Amino acid sequence: MTSSPQAAELTLQTRLADGSLAGQWTLDPAQSTVALASKSIWGLVPVKGTFGEVSGEATITPSGEVTGTITVGAASVSTKNKKRDEHLRSADFFNSEVYPHIVFTAQQVTVSDDGATITGTLQVRDKTVPLTFPATVAAIGDDSIVLDAQVHVDRTDFGLTWNQLGMSSNQNALTLHAVLARS
């Protein structure tokens, strides 16, 4: 017997409200991914990449409030193009030698019948920008929580303005698949 997504969301709402998910949770880097997508050459060529270094944690209070962080190593970006990856790590983009981490801090997770809404901040380099985005979240048994989201950001909000001849899109999509285990 399979349950509907709505039933899974209601179960999550109930479990948050009754405190059964309360405690510390740790992101499993072997099962979690953070990816980016953009367009180059005036929007004609998709550019996709992943971050090989990801960590995180979450706290769920007995009353069901959720906070947490996800941290990626800026230098761990890989688009499978060595020259482009080196450029992304440079001062033109992530400046990973000075700012080694990109950090999302979740300040609130609101679960409803329609899914979840995550509210927090994203820090890239020395800029921190507020973000709110939809996600799907499910509790798998008692020891695992899975969160999936796609977040759209404008890289210029973070001071990433390098754009030779206007060839690169400023709009980027970050895709998150986070698997958290009870600590």
Protein backbone atom coordinates (compact mmCIF):
# COMPACT_ATOMS: atom_id res chain seq x y z
CA MET A 1 0.00 0.00 0.00
CA THR A 2 1.41 3.41 -0.93
CA SER A 3 0.53 6.70 0.69
CA SER A 4 -0.29 9.85 -1.21
CA PRO A 5 2.02 12.89 -1.06
CA GLN A 6 -0.74 14.69 0.87
CA ALA A 7 -0.85 11.91 3.47
CA ALA A 8 2.94 12.08 3.80
CA GLU A 9 2.76 15.85 4.37
CA LEU A 10 0.01 15.42 6.96
CA THR A 11 2.09 12.78 8.70
CA LEU A 12 5.04 15.18 8.74
CA GLN A 13 2.84 17.97 10.12
CA THR A 14 1.54 15.65 12.82
CA ARG A 15 5.01 14.41 13.71
CA LEU A 16 6.37 17.96 13.96
CA ALA A 17 3.44 18.99 16.15
CA ASP A 18 3.64 15.97 18.46
CA GLY A 19 7.40 16.35 19.00
CA SER A 20 8.35 12.89 17.70
CA LEU A 21 10.90 14.41 15.31
CA ALA A 22 12.44 16.68 17.96
CA GLY A 23 16.20 16.59 18.24
CA GLN A 24 19.40 17.11 16.31
CA TRP A 25 19.73 15.99 12.69
CA THR A 26 22.89 15.74 10.57
CA LEU A 27 23.09 15.94 6.78
CA ASP A 28 24.37 12.78 5.13
CA PRO A 29 26.88 14.04 2.51
CA ALA A 30 26.97 10.67 0.73
CA GLN A 31 23.24 10.88 -0.06
CA SER A 32 22.86 14.66 -0.43
CA THR A 33 23.59 16.88 -3.43
CA VAL A 34 23.77 20.58 -4.20
CA ALA A 35 23.83 21.43 -7.89
CA LEU A 36 23.78 24.61 -9.92
CA ALA A 37 22.55 25.42 -13.40
CA SER A 38 22.96 28.52 -15.54
CA LYS A 39 23.26 29.49 -19.18
CA SER A 40 26.25 30.80 -21.07
CA ILE A 41 26.92 32.14 -24.57
CA TRP A 42 23.87 34.42 -24.53
CA GLY A 43 21.60 31.75 -23.11
CA LEU A 44 22.37 29.12 -25.73
CA VAL A 45 24.58 26.75 -23.72
CA PRO A 46 23.46 25.25 -20.41
CA VAL A 47 26.10 25.08 -17.70
CA LYS A 48 25.58 22.55 -14.92
CA GLY A 49 27.70 21.80 -11.92
CA THR A 50 27.74 20.16 -8.54
CA PHE A 51 29.42 20.88 -5.24
CA GLY A 52 31.38 17.86 -4.00
CA GLU A 53 31.66 19.10 -0.43
CA VAL A 54 28.38 19.49 1.45
CA SER A 55 27.53 19.35 5.15
CA GLY A 56 24.69 20.47 7.35
CA GLU A 57 22.59 20.10 10.41
CA ALA A 58 19.09 20.83 11.65
CA THR A 59 17.37 21.22 14.96
CA ILE A 60 13.72 20.39 15.51
CA THR A 61 12.28 21.65 18.77
CA PRO A 62 9.63 19.71 20.74
CA SER A 63 7.08 22.28 19.50
CA GLY A 64 8.02 21.52 15.86
CA GLU A 65 10.11 24.58 14.99
CA VAL A 66 12.87 23.79 12.50
CA THR A 67 16.18 25.60 11.97
CA GLY A 68 19.37 24.50 10.30
CA THR A 69 22.28 25.13 7.98
CA ILE A 70 23.67 23.66 4.80
CA THR A 71 27.28 24.47 3.97
CA VAL A 72 29.03 23.78 0.68
CA GLY A 73 32.71 24.13 -0.07
CA ALA A 74 32.99 26.87 -2.71
CA ALA A 75 36.15 25.30 -4.11
CA SER A 76 34.39 21.94 -4.56
CA VAL A 77 32.38 23.20 -7.55
CA SER A 78 32.68 20.96 -10.59
CA THR A 79 31.22 21.60 -14.04
CA LYS A 80 33.50 18.96 -15.60
CA ASN A 81 35.45 21.75 -17.30
CA LYS A 82 38.75 22.45 -15.50
CA LYS A 83 39.24 25.95 -16.90
CA ARG A 84 35.66 27.01 -16.06
CA ASP A 85 35.91 25.46 -12.57
CA GLU A 86 39.12 27.39 -11.88
CA HIS A 87 37.40 30.58 -13.05
CA LEU A 88 34.39 29.90 -10.80
CA ARG A 89 36.77 29.49 -7.83
CA SER A 90 38.56 32.76 -8.68
CA ALA A 91 37.89 36.29 -7.39
CA ASP A 92 35.60 36.86 -10.42
CA PHE A 93 33.08 34.47 -8.85
CA PHE A 94 33.23 32.54 -5.56
CA ASN A 95 36.71 33.73 -4.50
CA SER A 96 37.00 30.43 -2.67
CA GLU A 97 40.43 31.16 -1.16
CA VAL A 98 38.99 34.11 0.77
CA TYR A 99 35.42 32.78 1.17
CA PRO A 100 35.72 28.99 1.39
CA HIS A 101 32.05 28.31 2.22
CA ILE A 102 28.63 29.04 0.80
CA VAL A 103 26.08 28.80 3.61
CA PHE A 104 22.30 28.59 3.66
CA THR A 105 20.77 29.15 7.08
CA ALA A 106 17.15 28.04 7.48
CA GLN A 107 15.39 30.18 10.05
CA GLN A 108 11.91 28.73 9.57
CA VAL A 109 10.33 25.74 7.88
CA THR A 110 6.57 25.87 7.50
CA VAL A 111 4.87 22.62 6.51
CA SER A 112 1.38 22.63 5.00
CA ASP A 113 -0.85 20.39 2.88
CA ASP A 114 0.88 21.82 -0.21
CA GLY A 115 4.47 21.06 0.88
CA ALA A 116 6.92 23.18 2.81
CA THR A 117 8.15 26.75 2.67
CA ILE A 118 11.74 27.39 3.75
CA THR A 119 12.73 30.88 4.92
CA GLY A 120 16.32 31.83 5.61
CA THR A 121 19.45 33.44 4.23
CA LEU A 122 22.05 32.48 1.65
CA GLN A 123 25.61 33.72 2.13
CA VAL A 124 27.94 33.75 -0.86
CA ARG A 125 31.24 35.54 -0.37
CA ASP A 126 30.56 38.50 1.94
CA LYS A 127 26.91 38.98 0.90
CA THR A 128 23.95 37.52 2.76
CA VAL A 129 20.58 37.58 1.01
CA PRO A 130 17.18 36.54 2.42
CA LEU A 131 15.48 33.67 0.58
CA THR A 132 12.09 32.00 0.76
CA PHE A 133 11.36 29.00 -1.44
CA PRO A 134 9.07 25.98 -1.70
CA ALA A 135 10.33 22.48 -0.94
CA THR A 136 9.12 18.97 -0.46
CA VAL A 137 10.00 17.41 2.88
CA ALA A 138 9.27 13.92 4.12
CA ALA A 139 10.11 11.99 7.26
CA ILE A 140 11.16 8.46 6.35
CA GLY A 141 10.62 6.33 9.41
CA ASP A 142 12.07 7.70 12.64
CA ASP A 143 15.64 8.28 11.50
CA SER A 144 15.59 10.08 8.15
CA ILE A 145 14.26 13.33 6.70
CA VAL A 146 14.48 14.11 2.97
CA LEU A 147 14.22 17.64 1.60
CA ASP A 148 14.15 18.57 -2.10
CA ALA A 149 14.07 22.10 -3.48
CA GLN A 150 15.02 24.22 -6.43
CA VAL A 151 16.00 27.80 -5.60
CA HIS A 152 16.37 30.56 -8.18
CA VAL A 153 18.92 33.27 -7.42
CA ASP A 154 20.39 36.25 -9.21
CA ARG A 155 24.15 35.97 -8.82
CA THR A 156 24.58 39.76 -8.96
CA ASP A 157 22.80 39.93 -5.56
CA PHE A 158 25.97 38.32 -4.17
CA GLY A 159 28.43 40.59 -5.98
CA LEU A 160 29.13 38.00 -8.70
CA THR A 161 28.99 40.48 -11.56
CA TRP A 162 31.72 39.25 -13.92
CA ASN A 163 30.11 38.78 -17.33
CA GLN A 164 32.40 39.07 -20.34
CA LEU A 165 30.45 40.56 -23.25
CA GLY A 166 27.20 39.82 -21.43
CA MET A 167 27.52 36.15 -22.39
CA SER A 168 26.52 34.62 -19.05
CA SER A 169 23.10 34.63 -17.45
CA ASN A 170 22.81 36.25 -14.04
CA GLN A 171 19.97 33.87 -13.21
CA ASN A 172 20.97 30.60 -11.61
CA ALA A 173 19.08 27.61 -10.26
CA LEU A 174 20.35 25.75 -7.22
CA THR A 175 18.96 22.25 -6.74
CA LEU A 176 19.11 20.72 -3.30
CA HIS A 177 18.56 17.10 -2.30
CA ALA A 178 19.25 16.85 1.42
CA VAL A 179 19.04 13.66 3.45
CA LEU A 180 19.28 14.17 7.18
CA ALA A 181 19.74 11.47 9.80
CA ARG A 182 18.94 11.70 13.47
CA SER A 183 22.13 12.55 15.39
